[in-house]
Structure formats: C-alpha cells, structure tokens
Amino acid sequence: MAKQKLTPTARRMKAIRDKRAAMTADRRKKKAENQRKRRKAIKEGKNIKGKDYDHKKKKFVSVKKNRGNYGKGTKKEG
C-alpha cells in the first residue's frame, strides 16, 4: 500500500486525529481484547501470523478480509 502524500501540516493534523481516534474507550477496549486473544492463541500454538482478530466474527481472519470488510469496503462498515 502506498504511503499517503501529505503536506507537513496535514501529516501533523492527521496524526492528531488518528491518535484521538485510537484513544477512545471503544478502541482501547478492542485493542486490549485483541492483545489478550493473540497472546492466548500463541500460547495454544496457533499460527496467527498475518491475521487480525475480527470482533464481529469472533475469530482470527486474514488482514485483507478483516480490514477490507470482506470485499464491501470500509465505507459501508458499521
């Protein structure tokens, strides 16, 4: 995936927005849950390399499927 071409000002503003979004209560709970699930799966000997935990399906799926909303794109997610 190509890196976004942003002006220095836009890059700073995007970093602030991204940080604010990442620190919401919902995102922090999902991140903590994901860390617990990954650690548990690794302990159980599962190969989760290249996979993300899908909070809707409640299992590990490929990054491509999870972040692409299973071919529907992220605009229709939610």
PDB file of N, CA and C in Angstrom:
ATOM      1  N   MET A   1       0.848  -1.175   0.000  1.00  0.00           N
ATOM      2  CA  MET A   1       0.000   0.000   0.000  1.00  0.00           C
ATOM      3  C   MET A   1       0.897   1.241   0.000  1.00  0.00           C
ATOM      4  N   ALA A   2       0.617   2.159  -0.869  1.00  0.00           N
ATOM      5  CA  ALA A   2       1.430   3.360  -0.994  1.00  0.00           C
ATOM      6  C   ALA A   2       1.194   4.301   0.179  1.00  0.00           C
ATOM      7  N   LYS A   3       2.238   4.975   0.589  1.00  0.00           N
ATOM      8  CA  LYS A   3       2.149   5.937   1.680  1.00  0.00           C
ATOM      9  C   LYS A   3       1.400   7.170   1.191  1.00  0.00           C
ATOM     10  N   GLN A   4       0.591   7.747   2.072  1.00  0.00           N
ATOM     11  CA  GLN A   4      -0.150   8.947   1.699  1.00  0.00           C
ATOM     12  C   GLN A   4       0.801  10.106   1.467  1.00  0.00           C
ATOM     13  N   LYS A   5       0.520  10.873   0.446  1.00  0.00           N
ATOM     14  CA  LYS A   5       1.330  12.055   0.152  1.00  0.00           C
ATOM     15  C   LYS A   5       0.637  13.257   0.785  1.00  0.00           C
ATOM     16  N   LEU A   6       1.135  13.642   1.954  1.00  0.00           N
ATOM     17  CA  LEU A   6       0.528  14.737   2.697  1.00  0.00           C
ATOM     18  C   LEU A   6       1.537  15.853   2.928  1.00  0.00           C
ATOM     19  N   THR A   7       1.024  17.053   3.038  1.00  0.00           N
ATOM     20  CA  THR A   7       1.884  18.173   3.393  1.00  0.00           C
ATOM     21  C   THR A   7       2.268  18.005   4.859  1.00  0.00           C
ATOM     22  N   PRO A   8       3.332  18.636   5.297  1.00  0.00           N
ATOM     23  CA  PRO A   8       3.723  18.528   6.715  1.00  0.00           C
ATOM     24  C   PRO A   8       2.607  18.920   7.683  1.00  0.00           C
ATOM     25  N   THR A   9       1.857  19.961   7.346  1.00  0.00           N
ATOM     26  CA  THR A   9       0.755  20.385   8.209  1.00  0.00           C
ATOM     27  C   THR A   9      -0.337  19.321   8.246  1.00  0.00           C
ATOM     28  N   ALA A  10      -0.698  18.801   7.085  1.00  0.00           N
ATOM     29  CA  ALA A  10      -1.736  17.767   7.012  1.00  0.00           C
ATOM     30  C   ALA A  10      -1.284  16.506   7.744  1.00  0.00           C
ATOM     31  N   ARG A  11      -0.004  16.178   7.649  1.00  0.00           N
ATOM     32  CA  ARG A  11       0.534  14.995   8.334  1.00  0.00           C
ATOM     33  C   ARG A  11       0.402  15.139   9.849  1.00  0.00           C
ATOM     34  N   ARG A  12       0.713  16.322  10.361  1.00  0.00           N
ATOM     35  CA  ARG A  12       0.582  16.574  11.804  1.00  0.00           C
ATOM     36  C   ARG A  12      -0.875  16.488  12.250  1.00  0.00           C
ATOM     37  N   MET A  13      -1.764  17.098  11.478  1.00  0.00           N
ATOM     38  CA  MET A  13      -3.183  17.087  11.826  1.00  0.00           C
ATOM     39  C   MET A  13      -3.749  15.670  11.772  1.00  0.00           C
ATOM     40  N   LYS A  14      -3.321  14.893  10.787  1.00  0.00           N
ATOM     41  CA  LYS A  14      -3.772  13.503  10.676  1.00  0.00           C
ATOM     42  C   LYS A  14      -3.283  12.689  11.866  1.00  0.00           C
ATOM     43  N   ALA A  15      -2.055  12.920  12.295  1.00  0.00           N
ATOM     44  CA  ALA A  15      -1.512  12.208  13.456  1.00  0.00           C
ATOM     45  C   ALA A  15      -2.335  12.511  14.704  1.00  0.00           C
ATOM     46  N   ILE A  16      -2.752  13.760  14.844  1.00  0.00           N
ATOM     47  CA  ILE A  16      -3.576  14.150  15.993  1.00  0.00           C
ATOM     48  C   ILE A  16      -4.939  13.453  15.924  1.00  0.00           C
ATOM     49  N   ARG A  17      -5.569  13.464  14.738  1.00  0.00           N
ATOM     50  CA  ARG A  17      -6.872  12.801  14.569  1.00  0.00           C
ATOM     51  C   ARG A  17      -6.763  11.303  14.823  1.00  0.00           C
ATOM     52  N   ASP A  18      -5.735  10.686  14.262  1.00  0.00           N
ATOM     53  CA  ASP A  18      -5.550   9.240  14.427  1.00  0.00           C
ATOM     54  C   ASP A  18      -5.336   8.876  15.889  1.00  0.00           C
ATOM     55  N   LYS A  19      -4.538   9.665  16.581  1.00  0.00           N
ATOM     56  CA  LYS A  19      -4.270   9.419  17.994  1.00  0.00           C
ATOM     57  C   LYS A  19      -5.560   9.543  18.804  1.00  0.00           C
ATOM     58  N   ARG A  20      -6.344  10.587  18.516  1.00  0.00           N
ATOM     59  CA  ARG A  20      -7.598  10.802  19.232  1.00  0.00           C
ATOM     60  C   ARG A  20      -8.564   9.627  18.987  1.00  0.00           C
ATOM     61  N   ALA A  21      -8.621   9.140  17.765  1.00  0.00           N
ATOM     62  CA  ALA A  21      -9.497   8.002  17.439  1.00  0.00           C
ATOM     63  C   ALA A  21      -9.014   6.730  18.126  1.00  0.00           C
ATOM     64  N   ALA A  22      -7.706   6.534  18.177  1.00  0.00           N
ATOM     65  CA  ALA A  22      -7.141   5.328  18.774  1.00  0.00           C
ATOM     66  C   ALA A  22      -7.304   5.293  20.286  1.00  0.00           C
ATOM     67  N   MET A  23      -7.484   6.447  20.894  1.00  0.00           N
ATOM     68  CA  MET A  23      -7.566   6.509  22.349  1.00  0.00           C
ATOM     69  C   MET A  23      -8.997   6.569  22.879  1.00  0.00           C
ATOM     70  N   THR A  24      -9.999   6.383  22.014  1.00  0.00           N
ATOM     71  CA  THR A  24     -11.375   6.353  22.501  1.00  0.00           C
ATOM     72  C   THR A  24     -11.562   5.096  23.343  1.00  0.00           C
ATOM     73  N   ALA A  25     -12.532   5.122  24.207  1.00  0.00           N
ATOM     74  CA  ALA A  25     -12.780   3.984  25.109  1.00  0.00           C
ATOM     75  C   ALA A  25     -13.048   2.703  24.315  1.00  0.00           C
ATOM     76  N   ASP A  26     -13.822   2.805  23.249  1.00  0.00           N
ATOM     77  CA  ASP A  26     -14.151   1.633  22.433  1.00  0.00           C
ATOM     78  C   ASP A  26     -12.906   1.024  21.790  1.00  0.00           C
ATOM     79  N   ARG A  27     -12.063   1.871  21.198  1.00  0.00           N
ATOM     80  CA  ARG A  27     -10.853   1.371  20.531  1.00  0.00           C
ATOM     81  C   ARG A  27      -9.889   0.757  21.543  1.00  0.00           C
ATOM     82  N   ARG A  28      -9.787   1.362  22.730  1.00  0.00           N
ATOM     83  CA  ARG A  28      -8.880   0.834  23.754  1.00  0.00           C
ATOM     84  C   ARG A  28      -9.354  -0.524  24.247  1.00  0.00           C
ATOM     85  N   LYS A  29     -10.672  -0.694  24.402  1.00  0.00           N
ATOM     86  CA  LYS A  29     -11.208  -1.987  24.816  1.00  0.00           C
ATOM     87  C   LYS A  29     -10.936  -3.047  23.743  1.00  0.00           C
ATOM     88  N   LYS A  30     -11.131  -2.686  22.468  1.00  0.00           N
ATOM     89  CA  LYS A  30     -10.882  -3.636  21.378  1.00  0.00           C
ATOM     90  C   LYS A  30      -9.403  -4.007  21.292  1.00  0.00           C
ATOM     91  N   LYS A  31      -8.542  -3.009  21.499  1.00  0.00           N
ATOM     92  CA  LYS A  31      -7.101  -3.269  21.450  1.00  0.00           C
ATOM     93  C   LYS A  31      -6.681  -4.221  22.571  1.00  0.00           C
ATOM     94  N   ALA A  32      -7.196  -3.975  23.774  1.00  0.00           N
ATOM     95  CA  ALA A  32      -6.870  -4.835  24.910  1.00  0.00           C
ATOM     96  C   ALA A  32      -7.393  -6.249  24.685  1.00  0.00           C
ATOM     97  N   GLU A  33      -8.605  -6.352  24.147  1.00  0.00           N
ATOM     98  CA  GLU A  33      -9.182  -7.667  23.845  1.00  0.00           C
ATOM     99  C   GLU A  33      -8.338  -8.392  22.805  1.00  0.00           C
ATOM    100  N   ASN A  34      -7.932  -7.663  21.773  1.00  0.00           N
ATOM    101  CA  ASN A  34      -7.113  -8.241  20.707  1.00  0.00           C
ATOM    102  C   ASN A  34      -5.784  -8.755  21.259  1.00  0.00           C
ATOM    103  N   GLN A  35      -5.166  -7.996  22.140  1.00  0.00           N
ATOM    104  CA  GLN A  35      -3.895  -8.425  22.731  1.00  0.00           C
ATOM    105  C   GLN A  35      -4.077  -9.704  23.538  1.00  0.00           C
ATOM    106  N   ARG A  36      -5.151  -9.778  24.321  1.00  0.00           N
ATOM    107  CA  ARG A  36      -5.433 -10.995  25.100  1.00  0.00           C
ATOM    108  C   ARG A  36      -5.647 -12.187  24.189  1.00  0.00           C
ATOM    109  N   LYS A  37      -6.429 -12.002  23.122  1.00  0.00           N
ATOM    110  CA  LYS A  37      -6.727 -13.097  22.190  1.00  0.00           C
ATOM    111  C   LYS A  37      -5.461 -13.581  21.483  1.00  0.00           C
ATOM    112  N   ARG A  38      -4.616 -12.633  21.042  1.00  0.00           N
ATOM    113  CA  ARG A  38      -3.383 -13.003  20.344  1.00  0.00           C
ATOM    114  C   ARG A  38      -2.444 -13.781  21.266  1.00  0.00           C
ATOM    115  N   ARG A  39      -2.291 -13.295  22.490  1.00  0.00           N
ATOM    116  CA  ARG A  39      -1.406 -13.979  23.436  1.00  0.00           C
ATOM    117  C   ARG A  39      -1.907 -15.394  23.735  1.00  0.00           C
ATOM    118  N   LYS A  40      -3.218 -15.533  23.904  1.00  0.00           N
ATOM    119  CA  LYS A  40      -3.805 -16.834  24.179  1.00  0.00           C
ATOM    120  C   LYS A  40      -3.610 -17.781  22.988  1.00  0.00           C
ATOM    121  N   ALA A  41      -3.842 -17.282  21.772  1.00  0.00           N
ATOM    122  CA  ALA A  41      -3.703 -18.113  20.573  1.00  0.00           C
ATOM    123  C   ALA A  41      -2.253 -18.574  20.398  1.00  0.00           C
ATOM    124  N   ILE A  42      -1.309 -17.676  20.647  1.00  0.00           N
ATOM    125  CA  ILE A  42       0.114 -18.025  20.528  1.00  0.00           C
ATOM    126  C   ILE A  42       0.470 -19.081  21.567  1.00  0.00           C
ATOM    127  N   LYS A  43      -0.059 -18.915  22.781  1.00  0.00           N
ATOM    128  CA  LYS A  43       0.193 -19.879  23.853  1.00  0.00           C
ATOM    129  C   LYS A  43      -0.345 -21.258  23.489  1.00  0.00           C
ATOM    130  N   GLU A  44      -1.481 -21.288  22.775  1.00  0.00           N
ATOM    131  CA  GLU A  44      -2.097 -22.547  22.362  1.00  0.00           C
ATOM    132  C   GLU A  44      -1.428 -23.144  21.129  1.00  0.00           C
ATOM    133  N   GLY A  45      -0.446 -22.420  20.572  1.00  0.00           N
ATOM    134  CA  GLY A  45       0.299 -22.934  19.434  1.00  0.00           C
ATOM    135  C   GLY A  45      -0.340 -22.685  18.080  1.00  0.00           C
ATOM    136  N   LYS A  46      -1.314 -21.788  18.016  1.00  0.00           N
ATOM    137  CA  LYS A  46      -1.968 -21.477  16.741  1.00  0.00           C
ATOM    138  C   LYS A  46      -1.098 -20.537  15.925  1.00  0.00           C
ATOM    139  N   ASN A  47      -1.133 -20.708  14.612  1.00  0.00           N
ATOM    140  CA  ASN A  47      -0.390 -19.828  13.714  1.00  0.00           C
ATOM    141  C   ASN A  47      -1.310 -18.671  13.314  1.00  0.00           C
ATOM    142  N   ILE A  48      -1.065 -17.503  13.878  1.00  0.00           N
ATOM    143  CA  ILE A  48      -1.901 -16.341  13.592  1.00  0.00           C
ATOM    144  C   ILE A  48      -1.135 -15.272  12.833  1.00  0.00           C
ATOM    145  N   LYS A  49      -0.011 -15.658  12.261  1.00  0.00           N
ATOM    146  CA  LYS A  49       0.800 -14.695  11.509  1.00  0.00           C
ATOM    147  C   LYS A  49      -0.003 -14.193  10.311  1.00  0.00           C
ATOM    148  N   GLY A  50      -0.059 -12.880  10.138  1.00  0.00           N
ATOM    149  CA  GLY A  50      -0.790 -12.279   9.023  1.00  0.00           C
ATOM    150  C   GLY A  50      -2.293 -12.251   9.231  1.00  0.00           C
ATOM    151  N   LYS A  51      -2.735 -12.460  10.471  1.00  0.00           N
ATOM    152  CA  LYS A  51      -4.164 -12.464  10.741  1.00  0.00           C
ATOM    153  C   LYS A  51      -4.503 -11.421  11.803  1.00  0.00           C
ATOM    154  N   ASP A  52      -5.738 -10.928  11.728  1.00  0.00           N
ATOM    155  CA  ASP A  52      -6.282  -9.982  12.700  1.00  0.00           C
ATOM    156  C   ASP A  52      -7.467 -10.645  13.376  1.00  0.00           C
ATOM    157  N   TYR A  53      -7.761 -10.224  14.580  1.00  0.00           N
ATOM    158  CA  TYR A  53      -8.947 -10.728  15.253  1.00  0.00           C
ATOM    159  C   TYR A  53     -10.140  -9.921  14.783  1.00  0.00           C
ATOM    160  N   ASP A  54     -11.154 -10.605  14.273  1.00  0.00           N
ATOM    161  CA  ASP A  54     -12.371  -9.952  13.805  1.00  0.00           C
ATOM    162  C   ASP A  54     -13.366  -9.932  14.958  1.00  0.00           C
ATOM    163  N   HIS A  55     -13.725  -8.745  15.426  1.00  0.00           N
ATOM    164  CA  HIS A  55     -14.611  -8.609  16.573  1.00  0.00           C
ATOM    165  C   HIS A  55     -16.053  -8.954  16.233  1.00  0.00           C
ATOM    166  N   LYS A  56     -16.401  -8.934  14.953  1.00  0.00           N
ATOM    167  CA  LYS A  56     -17.764  -9.304  14.555  1.00  0.00           C
ATOM    168  C   LYS A  56     -17.897 -10.821  14.468  1.00  0.00           C
ATOM    169  N   LYS A  57     -16.922 -11.472  13.821  1.00  0.00           N
ATOM    170  CA  LYS A  57     -16.963 -12.927  13.658  1.00  0.00           C
ATOM    171  C   LYS A  57     -16.383 -13.672  14.851  1.00  0.00           C
ATOM    172  N   LYS A  58     -15.700 -12.953  15.717  1.00  0.00           N
ATOM    173  CA  LYS A  58     -15.089 -13.510  16.928  1.00  0.00           C
ATOM    174  C   LYS A  58     -14.075 -14.613  16.627  1.00  0.00           C
ATOM    175  N   LYS A  59     -13.245 -14.379  15.599  1.00  0.00           N
ATOM    176  CA  LYS A  59     -12.169 -15.310  15.281  1.00  0.00           C
ATOM    177  C   LYS A  59     -11.095 -14.586  14.476  1.00  0.00           C
ATOM    178  N   PHE A  60      -9.956 -15.251  14.292  1.00  0.00           N
ATOM    179  CA  PHE A  60      -8.870 -14.670  13.516  1.00  0.00           C
ATOM    180  C   PHE A  60      -9.123 -14.891  12.030  1.00  0.00           C
ATOM    181  N   VAL A  61      -8.997 -13.822  11.270  1.00  0.00           N
ATOM    182  CA  VAL A  61      -9.158 -13.882   9.813  1.00  0.00           C
ATOM    183  C   VAL A  61      -8.001 -13.116   9.188  1.00  0.00           C
ATOM    184  N   SER A  62      -7.830 -13.259   7.887  1.00  0.00           N
ATOM    185  CA  SER A  62      -6.728 -12.573   7.223  1.00  0.00           C
ATOM    186  C   SER A  62      -6.905 -11.058   7.347  1.00  0.00           C
ATOM    187  N   VAL A  63      -5.787 -10.369   7.347  1.00  0.00           N
ATOM    188  CA  VAL A  63      -5.800  -8.906   7.452  1.00  0.00           C
ATOM    189  C   VAL A  63      -6.592  -8.321   6.288  1.00  0.00           C
ATOM    190  N   LYS A  64      -6.386  -8.886   5.099  1.00  0.00           N
ATOM    191  CA  LYS A  64      -7.045  -8.378   3.896  1.00  0.00           C
ATOM    192  C   LYS A  64      -8.570  -8.437   4.033  1.00  0.00           C
ATOM    193  N   LYS A  65      -9.076  -9.567   4.503  1.00  0.00           N
ATOM    194  CA  LYS A  65     -10.528  -9.708   4.667  1.00  0.00           C
ATOM    195  C   LYS A  65     -11.043  -8.788   5.764  1.00  0.00           C
ATOM    196  N   ASN A  66     -10.365  -8.766   6.895  1.00  0.00           N
ATOM    197  CA  ASN A  66     -10.845  -8.010   8.039  1.00  0.00           C
ATOM    198  C   ASN A  66     -10.838  -6.506   7.783  1.00  0.00           C
ATOM    199  N   ARG A  67      -9.758  -5.993   7.257  1.00  0.00           N
ATOM    200  CA  ARG A  67      -9.659  -4.546   7.065  1.00  0.00           C
ATOM    201  C   ARG A  67     -10.389  -4.072   5.819  1.00  0.00           C
ATOM    202  N   GLY A  68     -10.683  -4.990   4.905  1.00  0.00           N
ATOM    203  CA  GLY A  68     -11.419  -4.632   3.695  1.00  0.00           C
ATOM    204  C   GLY A  68     -12.898  -4.900   3.810  1.00  0.00           C
ATOM    205  N   ASN A  69     -13.353  -5.292   5.016  1.00  0.00           N
ATOM    206  CA  ASN A  69     -14.766  -5.562   5.282  1.00  0.00           C
ATOM    207  C   ASN A  69     -15.315  -6.620   4.331  1.00  0.00           C
ATOM    208  N   TYR A  70     -14.520  -7.656   4.088  1.00  0.00           N
ATOM    209  CA  TYR A  70     -14.928  -8.801   3.271  1.00  0.00           C
ATOM    210  C   TYR A  70     -15.387  -8.398   1.876  1.00  0.00           C
ATOM    211  N   GLY A  71     -14.647  -7.477   1.260  1.00  0.00           N
ATOM    212  CA  GLY A  71     -14.917  -7.066  -0.116  1.00  0.00           C
ATOM    213  C   GLY A  71     -15.939  -5.968  -0.256  1.00  0.00           C
ATOM    214  N   LYS A  72     -16.532  -5.505   0.836  1.00  0.00           N
ATOM    215  CA  LYS A  72     -17.535  -4.458   0.779  1.00  0.00           C
ATOM    216  C   LYS A  72     -16.932  -3.070   0.914  1.00  0.00           C
ATOM    217  N   GLY A  73     -15.672  -2.991   1.312  1.00  0.00           N
ATOM    218  CA  GLY A  73     -15.031  -1.705   1.529  1.00  0.00           C
ATOM    219  C   GLY A  73     -15.373  -1.142   2.891  1.00  0.00           C
ATOM    220  N   THR A  74     -14.620  -0.156   3.308  1.00  0.00           N
ATOM    221  CA  THR A  74     -14.790   0.361   4.667  1.00  0.00           C
ATOM    222  C   THR A  74     -15.864   1.443   4.772  1.00  0.00           C
ATOM    223  N   LYS A  75     -16.354   1.935   3.644  1.00  0.00           N
ATOM    224  CA  LYS A  75     -17.386   2.988   3.719  1.00  0.00           C
ATOM    225  C   LYS A  75     -18.715   2.435   4.216  1.00  0.00           C
ATOM    226  N   LYS A  76     -18.966   1.132   3.955  1.00  0.00           N
ATOM    227  CA  LYS A  76     -20.242   0.540   4.339  1.00  0.00           C
ATOM    228  C   LYS A  76     -20.133  -0.243   5.647  1.00  0.00           C
ATOM    229  N   GLU A  77     -19.023  -0.068   6.329  1.00  0.00           N
ATOM    230  CA  GLU A  77     -18.787  -0.799   7.568  1.00  0.00           C
ATOM    231  C   GLU A  77     -19.572  -0.162   8.712  1.00  0.00           C
ATOM    232  N   GLY A  78     -19.969  -1.015   9.657  1.00  0.00           N
ATOM    233  CA  GLY A  78     -20.585  -0.442  10.840  1.00  0.00           C
ATOM    234  C   GLY A  78     -21.855  -1.069  11.255  1.00  0.00           C
TER     235      GLY A  78
END
